[in-house]
C-alpha atoms as a PDB file:
ATOM      1  CA  UNK A   1     128.695 151.077-172.039  1.00  0.00           C
ATOM      2  CA  UNK A   2     131.024 149.454-174.505  1.00  0.00           C
ATOM      3  CA  UNK A   3     134.731 150.290-174.801  1.00  0.00           C
ATOM      4  CA  UNK A   4     135.679 152.174-177.964  1.00  0.00           C
ATOM      5  CA  UNK A   5     138.326 150.777-180.308  1.00  0.00           C
ATOM      6  CA  UNK A   6     141.128 152.840-181.676  1.00  0.00           C
ATOM      7  CA  UNK A   7     141.266 153.502-185.456  1.00  0.00           C
ATOM      8  CA  UNK A   8     143.570 151.589-187.489  1.00  0.00           C
ATOM      9  CA  UNK A   9     145.852 154.674-187.722  1.00  0.00           C
ATOM     10  CA  UNK A  10     145.852 155.206-183.869  1.00  0.00           C
ATOM     11  CA  UNK A  11     146.518 151.584-183.306  1.00  0.00           C
ATOM     12  CA  UNK A  12     149.464 151.703-185.682  1.00  0.00           C
ATOM     13  CA  UNK A  13     150.953 154.665-183.863  1.00  0.00           C
ATOM     14  CA  UNK A  14     150.560 153.253-180.529  1.00  0.00           C
ATOM     15  CA  UNK A  15     151.911 149.936-181.600  1.00  0.00           C
ATOM     16  CA  UNK A  16     154.922 151.385-183.407  1.00  0.00           C
ATOM     17  CA  UNK A  17     155.861 153.390-180.270  1.00  0.00           C
ATOM     18  CA  UNK A  18     155.244 150.819-177.685  1.00  0.00           C
ATOM     19  CA  UNK A  19     157.038 147.982-179.421  1.00  0.00           C
ATOM     20  CA  UNK A  20     159.724 150.283-180.920  1.00  0.00           C
ATOM     21  CA  UNK A  21     159.129 148.600-184.372  1.00  0.00           C
ATOM     22  CA  UNK A  22     158.553 152.117-185.890  1.00  0.00           C
ATOM     23  CA  UNK A  23     162.364 152.520-185.743  1.00  0.00           C
ATOM     24  CA  UNK A  24     162.794 151.968-189.380  1.00  0.00           C
ATOM     25  CA  UNK A  25     166.437 152.865-189.675  1.00  0.00           C
ATOM     26  CA  UNK A  26     167.636 150.917-186.598  1.00  0.00           C
ATOM     27  CA  UNK A  27     169.348 153.812-184.873  1.00  0.00           C
ATOM     28  CA  UNK A  28     167.433 153.220-181.587  1.00  0.00           C
ATOM     29  CA  UNK A  29     165.352 156.456-182.057  1.00  0.00           C
ATOM     30  CA  UNK A  30     161.865 156.816-183.557  1.00  0.00           C
ATOM     31  CA  UNK A  31     161.701 159.967-185.707  1.00  0.00           C
ATOM     32  CA  UNK A  32     158.618 161.467-187.124  1.00  0.00           C
ATOM     33  CA  UNK A  33     159.679 160.043-190.594  1.00  0.00           C
ATOM     34  CA  UNK A  34     160.240 156.597-189.001  1.00  0.00           C
ATOM     35  CA  UNK A  35     156.778 156.610-187.351  1.00  0.00           C
ATOM     36  CA  UNK A  36     155.122 157.878-190.527  1.00  0.00           C
ATOM     37  CA  UNK A  37     156.681 155.176-192.670  1.00  0.00           C
ATOM     38  CA  UNK A  38     155.719 152.490-190.182  1.00  0.00           C
ATOM     39  CA  UNK A  39     152.174 153.791-189.817  1.00  0.00           C
ATOM     40  CA  UNK A  40     151.832 154.322-193.564  1.00  0.00           C
ATOM     41  CA  UNK A  41     152.784 150.617-194.103  1.00  0.00           C
ATOM     42  CA  UNK A  42     150.566 149.224-191.356  1.00  0.00           C
ATOM     43  CA  UNK A  43     147.450 151.236-192.532  1.00  0.00           C
ATOM     44  CA  UNK A  44     148.021 150.223-196.191  1.00  0.00           C
ATOM     45  CA  UNK A  45     148.293 146.416-195.129  1.00  0.00           C
ATOM     46  CA  UNK A  46     144.935 146.604-193.328  1.00  0.00           C
ATOM     47  CA  UNK A  47     143.100 149.134-195.569  1.00  0.00           C
ATOM     48  CA  UNK A  48     144.774 149.449-198.988  1.00  0.00           C
ATOM     49  CA  UNK A  49     142.387 152.155-200.063  1.00  0.00           C
ATOM     50  CA  UNK A  50     143.642 154.604-197.415  1.00  0.00           C
ATOM     51  CA  UNK A  51     146.933 156.431-197.757  1.00  0.00           C
ATOM     52  CA  UNK A  52     147.969 158.312-194.671  1.00  0.00           C
ATOM     53  CA  UNK A  53     149.781 161.636-195.520  1.00  0.00           C
ATOM     54  CA  UNK A  54     152.276 163.563-193.663  1.00  0.00           C
ATOM     55  CA  UNK A  55     152.575 167.357-193.784  1.00  0.00           C
ATOM     56  CA  UNK A  56     155.679 168.870-192.279  1.00  0.00           C
ATOM     57  CA  UNK A  57     157.849 171.884-192.340  1.00  0.00           C
ATOM     58  CA  UNK A  58     160.641 170.385-190.270  1.00  0.00           C
ATOM     59  CA  UNK A  59     164.378 170.677-191.066  1.00  0.00           C
ATOM     60  CA  UNK A  60     166.217 167.565-190.112  1.00  0.00           C
ATOM     61  CA  UNK A  61     164.994 164.631-188.126  1.00  0.00           C
ATOM     62  CA  UNK A  62     162.685 165.089-185.136  1.00  0.00           C
ATOM     63  CA  UNK A  63     163.163 162.317-182.740  1.00  0.00           C
ATOM     64  CA  UNK A  64     160.061 161.572-180.604  1.00  0.00           C
ATOM     65  CA  UNK A  65     160.892 158.426-178.861  1.00  0.00           C
ATOM     66  CA  UNK A  66     163.659 155.918-177.845  1.00  0.00           C
ATOM     67  CA  UNK A  67     163.367 152.462-179.110  1.00  0.00           C
ATOM     68  CA  UNK A  68     164.536 149.262-177.467  1.00  0.00           C
ATOM     69  CA  UNK A  69     163.320 147.000-180.407  1.00  0.00           C
ATOM     70  CA  UNK A  70     166.104 144.905-181.973  1.00  0.00           C
ATOM     71  CA  UNK A  71     164.969 143.313-185.207  1.00  0.00           C
ATOM     72  CA  UNK A  72     165.607 139.545-185.487  1.00  0.00           C
ATOM     73  CA  UNK A  73     168.804 138.726-187.328  1.00  0.00           C
ATOM     74  CA  UNK A  74     168.641 136.286-190.142  1.00  0.00           C
ATOM     75  CA  UNK A  75     171.822 134.142-190.709  1.00  0.00           C
ATOM     76  CA  UNK A  76     173.878 134.952-193.680  1.00  0.00           C
ATOM     77  CA  UNK A  77     174.643 132.299-196.206  1.00  0.00           C
ATOM     78  CA  UNK A  78     178.221 131.065-195.829  1.00  0.00           C
ATOM     79  CA  UNK A  79     180.066 130.223-198.758  1.00  0.00           C
ATOM     80  CA  UNK A  80     179.668 126.743-200.286  1.00  0.00           C
ATOM     81  CA  UNK A  81     183.298 125.795-199.822  1.00  0.00           C
ATOM     82  CA  UNK A  82     183.371 126.550-196.089  1.00  0.00           C
ATOM     83  CA  UNK A  83     180.179 124.503-195.574  1.00  0.00           C
ATOM     84  CA  UNK A  84     181.564 121.547-197.579  1.00  0.00           C
ATOM     85  CA  UNK A  85     184.741 121.775-195.333  1.00  0.00           C
ATOM     86  CA  UNK A  86     182.609 121.353-192.240  1.00  0.00           C
ATOM     87  CA  UNK A  87     181.477 117.929-193.642  1.00  0.00           C
ATOM     88  CA  UNK A  88     184.806 116.773-195.048  1.00  0.00           C
ATOM     89  CA  UNK A  89     185.772 113.241-194.599  1.00  0.00           C
ATOM     90  CA  UNK A  90     189.001 114.101-192.653  1.00  0.00           C
ATOM     91  CA  UNK A  91     188.832 115.405-189.138  1.00  0.00           C
ATOM     92  CA  UNK A  92     191.704 117.808-189.857  1.00  0.00           C
ATOM     93  CA  UNK A  93     189.813 119.389-192.491  1.00  0.00           C
ATOM     94  CA  UNK A  94     186.750 119.806-190.127  1.00  0.00           C
ATOM     95  CA  UNK A  95     189.111 121.306-187.553  1.00  0.00           C
ATOM     96  CA  UNK A  96     190.320 123.896-190.088  1.00  0.00           C
ATOM     97  CA  UNK A  97     186.736 124.710-190.900  1.00  0.00           C
ATOM     98  CA  UNK A  98     185.978 125.243-187.269  1.00  0.00           C
ATOM     99  CA  UNK A  99     188.852 127.563-186.876  1.00  0.00           C
ATOM    100  CA  UNK A 100     187.733 129.553-189.850  1.00  0.00           C
ATOM    101  CA  UNK A 101     184.177 129.710-188.437  1.00  0.00           C
ATOM    102  CA  UNK A 102     185.609 130.902-185.015  1.00  0.00           C
ATOM    103  CA  UNK A 103     187.113 133.913-186.735  1.00  0.00           C
ATOM    104  CA  UNK A 104     183.651 134.638-188.291  1.00  0.00           C
ATOM    105  CA  UNK A 105     182.067 134.724-184.875  1.00  0.00           C
ATOM    106  CA  UNK A 106     183.778 138.156-184.370  1.00  0.00           C
ATOM    107  CA  UNK A 107     182.412 139.518-187.686  1.00  0.00           C
ATOM    108  CA  UNK A 108     181.119 142.979-187.566  1.00  0.00           C
ATOM    109  CA  UNK A 109     178.111 141.778-189.506  1.00  0.00           C
ATOM    110  CA  UNK A 110     175.770 140.021-187.036  1.00  0.00           C
ATOM    111  CA  UNK A 111     174.161 137.765-189.668  1.00  0.00           C
ATOM    112  CA  UNK A 112     177.564 136.325-190.465  1.00  0.00           C
ATOM    113  CA  UNK A 113     178.452 135.827-186.828  1.00  0.00           C
ATOM    114  CA  UNK A 114     175.063 134.055-186.355  1.00  0.00           C
ATOM    115  CA  UNK A 115     175.601 131.795-189.357  1.00  0.00           C
ATOM    116  CA  UNK A 116     178.981 130.761-187.974  1.00  0.00           C
ATOM    117  CA  UNK A 117     177.624 130.172-184.622  1.00  0.00           C
ATOM    118  CA  UNK A 118     174.772 127.999-185.979  1.00  0.00           C
ATOM    119  CA  UNK A 119     177.290 126.026-188.136  1.00  0.00           C
ATOM    120  CA  UNK A 120     179.588 125.371-185.210  1.00  0.00           C
ATOM    121  CA  UNK A 121     176.607 124.267-183.180  1.00  0.00           C
ATOM    122  CA  UNK A 122     175.872 121.652-185.803  1.00  0.00           C
ATOM    123  CA  UNK A 123     179.428 120.519-185.678  1.00  0.00           C
ATOM    124  CA  UNK A 124     179.413 120.079-181.915  1.00  0.00           C
ATOM    125  CA  UNK A 125     178.122 116.581-182.412  1.00  0.00           C
ATOM    126  CA  UNK A 126     180.984 115.523-184.789  1.00  0.00           C
ATOM    127  CA  UNK A 127     181.879 111.820-184.815  1.00  0.00           C
ATOM    128  CA  UNK A 128     185.511 112.798-184.083  1.00  0.00           C
ATOM    129  CA  UNK A 129     186.102 113.511-180.417  1.00  0.00           C
ATOM    130  CA  UNK A 130     188.836 115.754-181.319  1.00  0.00           C
ATOM    131  CA  UNK A 131     186.614 117.939-183.535  1.00  0.00           C
ATOM    132  CA  UNK A 132     183.707 117.956-181.192  1.00  0.00           C
ATOM    133  CA  UNK A 133     185.791 118.960-178.262  1.00  0.00           C
ATOM    134  CA  UNK A 134     187.494 121.859-180.250  1.00  0.00           C
ATOM    135  CA  UNK A 135     184.165 122.936-181.512  1.00  0.00           C
ATOM    136  CA  UNK A 136     182.661 122.977-177.980  1.00  0.00           C
ATOM    137  CA  UNK A 137     185.658 124.980-176.622  1.00  0.00           C
ATOM    138  CA  UNK A 138     185.196 127.525-179.479  1.00  0.00           C
ATOM    139  CA  UNK A 139     181.410 127.917-178.623  1.00  0.00           C
ATOM    140  CA  UNK A 140     182.208 128.158-174.836  1.00  0.00           C
ATOM    141  CA  UNK A 141     184.750 130.975-175.617  1.00  0.00           C
ATOM    142  CA  UNK A 142     182.073 132.710-177.777  1.00  0.00           C
ATOM    143  CA  UNK A 143     179.596 132.535-174.892  1.00  0.00           C
ATOM    144  CA  UNK A 144     182.083 133.926-172.464  1.00  0.00           C
ATOM    145  CA  UNK A 145     182.886 136.832-174.893  1.00  0.00           C
ATOM    146  CA  UNK A 146     179.082 137.545-175.291  1.00  0.00           C
ATOM    147  CA  UNK A 147     178.638 137.643-171.622  1.00  0.00           C
ATOM    148  CA  UNK A 148     181.384 140.156-171.014  1.00  0.00           C
END
């Protein structure tokens, strides 16, 4: 006897709940509305002629599951002047840029912090020993802060 396959709708419901990707608003809870939007998009991607509907008489959000899903963070675009300063001909200018980037590591915006971290990682191989050492110490301090 063969094993049955779930419908596209059921597959999307299970996937959204198991992976946590149905948490569309990123609040670490999957509500009925989150799940509906997730399932709707998944079904429409696979079968554009189908449109799942939701009929509800709820007042306010109904949370149905916790989510551990954390969407990947895309690095922000740092301003052109900051990037140019990281490649400046003088080591003192690159040191100043490293200090500015270190402040961005503590940004409330994770995409800005990620962009600063990635830029500092690129500077860690600077041809100036002074700059490379300073950048490495900033990255080490950032790792320690992340760990605690």
